[in-house]
Amino acid sequence: MFAWYVKTGKQYSGQTEEIRVTKFGAAFVSLVQPVHTVRSIKYLEIEKAIVANLQANLDEVNRTKLMNDQAARDDFWQRRDAGLIQANLDDVKQNKLMNDQAARDDFWQRRDAGLS
């Protein structure tokens, strides 16, 4: 093959010449799938490991939160079924009404005193 280059005086043969379509396809693929060097692959693997670790931690936190929420709901329904909730709800409503009335009284006192 080397003799063919020498005889014809061409710098490359048709076999090694890149076709324009191939160049375009390679450029398109490199946009979608970038070519990584050994160093970039190492850092990519480190980045993937960090992301996987953070995702595992996030999943664990979410699982713990969901379990705590479920435990609170279970406790609420057990107490409700036992008849303990209604008395507590009445106390909460009464406290809220008293706090609202105290806020209104405070507002009117301040208004009458000219502070508002």
C-alpha atoms as a PDB file:
ATOM      1  CA  MET A   1       0.000   0.000   0.000  1.00  0.00           C
ATOM      2  CA  PHE A   2       2.880   2.367   0.687  1.00  0.00           C
ATOM      3  CA  ALA A   3       4.038   1.951  -2.915  1.00  0.00           C
ATOM      4  CA  TRP A   4       0.634   3.159  -4.160  1.00  0.00           C
ATOM      5  CA  TYR A   5       1.098   6.474  -2.308  1.00  0.00           C
ATOM      6  CA  VAL A   6       4.523   6.913  -3.812  1.00  0.00           C
ATOM      7  CA  LYS A   7       3.412   6.041  -7.352  1.00  0.00           C
ATOM      8  CA  THR A   8       0.282   8.213  -7.434  1.00  0.00           C
ATOM      9  CA  GLY A   9       1.658  11.101  -5.395  1.00  0.00           C
ATOM     10  CA  LYS A  10      -1.525  11.332  -3.338  1.00  0.00           C
ATOM     11  CA  GLN A  11      -1.343  12.042   0.382  1.00  0.00           C
ATOM     12  CA  TYR A  12      -4.077   9.601   1.333  1.00  0.00           C
ATOM     13  CA  SER A  13      -6.099   6.900  -0.250  1.00  0.00           C
ATOM     14  CA  GLY A  14      -9.842   6.763  -0.606  1.00  0.00           C
ATOM     15  CA  GLN A  15      -9.932   4.075   2.040  1.00  0.00           C
ATOM     16  CA  THR A  16      -8.670   6.374   4.789  1.00  0.00           C
ATOM     17  CA  GLU A  17     -10.417   9.535   3.647  1.00  0.00           C
ATOM     18  CA  GLU A  18     -13.221  10.633   6.004  1.00  0.00           C
ATOM     19  CA  ILE A  19     -16.559  11.055   4.371  1.00  0.00           C
ATOM     20  CA  ARG A  20     -18.435  14.263   5.151  1.00  0.00           C
ATOM     21  CA  VAL A  21     -21.454  12.341   6.395  1.00  0.00           C
ATOM     22  CA  THR A  22     -19.195  10.453   8.790  1.00  0.00           C
ATOM     23  CA  LYS A  23     -17.718  13.717  10.057  1.00  0.00           C
ATOM     24  CA  PHE A  24     -21.206  15.121  10.634  1.00  0.00           C
ATOM     25  CA  GLY A  25     -22.368  11.925  12.353  1.00  0.00           C
ATOM     26  CA  ALA A  26     -19.298  11.878  14.582  1.00  0.00           C
ATOM     27  CA  ALA A  27     -19.840  15.510  15.554  1.00  0.00           C
ATOM     28  CA  PHE A  28     -23.508  14.813  16.356  1.00  0.00           C
ATOM     29  CA  VAL A  29     -22.648  11.752  18.442  1.00  0.00           C
ATOM     30  CA  SER A  30     -19.967  13.701  20.308  1.00  0.00           C
ATOM     31  CA  LEU A  31     -22.620  16.257  21.288  1.00  0.00           C
ATOM     32  CA  VAL A  32     -24.920  13.559  22.631  1.00  0.00           C
ATOM     33  CA  GLN A  33     -22.223  11.263  23.979  1.00  0.00           C
ATOM     34  CA  PRO A  34     -19.086  13.237  24.758  1.00  0.00           C
ATOM     35  CA  VAL A  35     -15.835  11.358  24.453  1.00  0.00           C
ATOM     36  CA  HIS A  36     -14.151  11.021  27.842  1.00  0.00           C
ATOM     37  CA  THR A  37     -10.479  10.794  28.555  1.00  0.00           C
ATOM     38  CA  VAL A  38      -9.132   8.516  31.272  1.00  0.00           C
ATOM     39  CA  ARG A  39      -8.950  11.446  33.683  1.00  0.00           C
ATOM     40  CA  SER A  40     -12.482  12.631  32.882  1.00  0.00           C
ATOM     41  CA  ILE A  41     -13.811   9.078  33.298  1.00  0.00           C
ATOM     42  CA  LYS A  42     -12.206   8.913  36.739  1.00  0.00           C
ATOM     43  CA  TYR A  43     -13.804  12.203  37.779  1.00  0.00           C
ATOM     44  CA  LEU A  44     -17.112  11.125  36.238  1.00  0.00           C
ATOM     45  CA  GLU A  45     -17.049   7.953  38.338  1.00  0.00           C
ATOM     46  CA  ILE A  46     -16.261  10.005  41.456  1.00  0.00           C
ATOM     47  CA  GLU A  47     -19.138  12.353  40.643  1.00  0.00           C
ATOM     48  CA  LYS A  48     -21.511   9.416  40.126  1.00  0.00           C
ATOM     49  CA  ALA A  49     -20.424   7.905  43.451  1.00  0.00           C
ATOM     50  CA  ILE A  50     -21.052  11.211  45.257  1.00  0.00           C
ATOM     51  CA  VAL A  51     -24.474  11.568  43.645  1.00  0.00           C
ATOM     52  CA  ALA A  52     -25.379   7.971  44.525  1.00  0.00           C
ATOM     53  CA  ASN A  53     -24.296   8.549  48.143  1.00  0.00           C
ATOM     54  CA  LEU A  54     -26.312  11.766  48.416  1.00  0.00           C
ATOM     55  CA  GLN A  55     -29.338  10.085  46.838  1.00  0.00           C
ATOM     56  CA  ALA A  56     -29.075   7.194  49.307  1.00  0.00           C
ATOM     57  CA  ASN A  57     -28.914   9.671  52.203  1.00  0.00           C
ATOM     58  CA  LEU A  58     -31.916  11.565  50.834  1.00  0.00           C
ATOM     59  CA  ASP A  59     -33.889   8.341  50.430  1.00  0.00           C
ATOM     60  CA  GLU A  60     -33.072   7.347  54.013  1.00  0.00           C
ATOM     61  CA  VAL A  61     -34.194  10.743  55.344  1.00  0.00           C
ATOM     62  CA  ASN A  62     -37.423  10.584  53.334  1.00  0.00           C
ATOM     63  CA  ARG A  63     -38.082   7.033  54.530  1.00  0.00           C
ATOM     64  CA  THR A  64     -37.514   8.090  58.156  1.00  0.00           C
ATOM     65  CA  LYS A  65     -39.815  11.097  57.731  1.00  0.00           C
ATOM     66  CA  LEU A  66     -42.550   8.962  56.193  1.00  0.00           C
ATOM     67  CA  MET A  67     -42.250   6.405  58.985  1.00  0.00           C
ATOM     68  CA  ASN A  68     -42.497   9.164  61.633  1.00  0.00           C
ATOM     69  CA  ASP A  69     -45.544  10.638  59.901  1.00  0.00           C
ATOM     70  CA  GLN A  70     -47.152   7.207  59.725  1.00  0.00           C
ATOM     71  CA  ALA A  71     -46.420   6.593  63.400  1.00  0.00           C
ATOM     72  CA  ALA A  72     -48.049   9.942  64.286  1.00  0.00           C
ATOM     73  CA  ARG A  73     -51.117   9.062  62.221  1.00  0.00           C
ATOM     74  CA  ASP A  74     -51.329   5.617  63.799  1.00  0.00           C
ATOM     75  CA  ASP A  75     -51.076   7.163  67.262  1.00  0.00           C
ATOM     76  CA  PHE A  76     -53.795   9.685  66.399  1.00  0.00           C
ATOM     77  CA  TRP A  77     -56.192   6.992  65.186  1.00  0.00           C
ATOM     78  CA  GLN A  78     -55.485   4.756  68.192  1.00  0.00           C
ATOM     79  CA  ARG A  79     -56.191   7.645  70.545  1.00  0.00           C
ATOM     80  CA  ARG A  80     -59.311   8.600  68.591  1.00  0.00           C
ATOM     81  CA  ASP A  81     -60.610   5.055  68.678  1.00  0.00           C
ATOM     82  CA  ALA A  82     -59.963   4.962  72.416  1.00  0.00           C
ATOM     83  CA  GLY A  83     -62.051   8.127  72.865  1.00  0.00           C
ATOM     84  CA  LEU A  84     -59.177  10.296  74.091  1.00  0.00           C
ATOM     85  CA  ILE A  85     -59.085  12.701  71.182  1.00  0.00           C
ATOM     86  CA  GLN A  86     -62.482  14.363  71.554  1.00  0.00           C
ATOM     87  CA  ALA A  87     -61.693  15.727  75.013  1.00  0.00           C
ATOM     88  CA  ASN A  88     -58.351  17.007  73.781  1.00  0.00           C
ATOM     89  CA  LEU A  89     -59.960  18.616  70.728  1.00  0.00           C
ATOM     90  CA  ASP A  90     -62.488  20.403  72.938  1.00  0.00           C
ATOM     91  CA  ASP A  91     -59.621  21.734  75.074  1.00  0.00           C
ATOM     92  CA  VAL A  92     -57.746  22.894  71.978  1.00  0.00           C
ATOM     93  CA  LYS A  93     -60.829  24.652  70.588  1.00  0.00           C
ATOM     94  CA  GLN A  94     -61.503  26.348  73.913  1.00  0.00           C
ATOM     95  CA  ASN A  95     -57.875  27.495  74.203  1.00  0.00           C
ATOM     96  CA  LYS A  96     -57.992  28.868  70.648  1.00  0.00           C
ATOM     97  CA  LEU A  97     -61.189  30.773  71.360  1.00  0.00           C
ATOM     98  CA  MET A  98     -59.695  32.202  74.557  1.00  0.00           C
ATOM     99  CA  ASN A  99     -56.527  33.263  72.721  1.00  0.00           C
ATOM    100  CA  ASP A 100     -58.560  34.884  69.954  1.00  0.00           C
ATOM    101  CA  GLN A 101     -60.673  36.755  72.501  1.00  0.00           C
ATOM    102  CA  ALA A 102     -57.523  37.897  74.338  1.00  0.00           C
ATOM    103  CA  ALA A 103     -56.073  39.178  71.042  1.00  0.00           C
ATOM    104  CA  ARG A 104     -59.279  41.080  70.284  1.00  0.00           C
ATOM    105  CA  ASP A 105     -59.359  42.579  73.784  1.00  0.00           C
ATOM    106  CA  ASP A 106     -55.705  43.605  73.430  1.00  0.00           C
ATOM    107  CA  PHE A 107     -56.437  45.198  70.045  1.00  0.00           C
ATOM    108  CA  TRP A 108     -59.355  47.229  71.409  1.00  0.00           C
ATOM    109  CA  GLN A 109     -57.401  48.308  74.478  1.00  0.00           C
ATOM    110  CA  ARG A 110     -54.514  49.519  72.321  1.00  0.00           C
ATOM    111  CA  ARG A 111     -56.928  51.246  69.949  1.00  0.00           C
ATOM    112  CA  ASP A 112     -58.667  53.017  72.782  1.00  0.00           C
ATOM    113  CA  ALA A 113     -55.298  54.052  74.204  1.00  0.00           C
ATOM    114  CA  GLY A 114     -54.243  55.411  70.788  1.00  0.00           C
ATOM    115  CA  LEU A 115     -51.319  52.989  70.310  1.00  0.00           C
ATOM    116  CA  SER A 116     -52.515  51.305  67.108  1.00  0.00           C
END
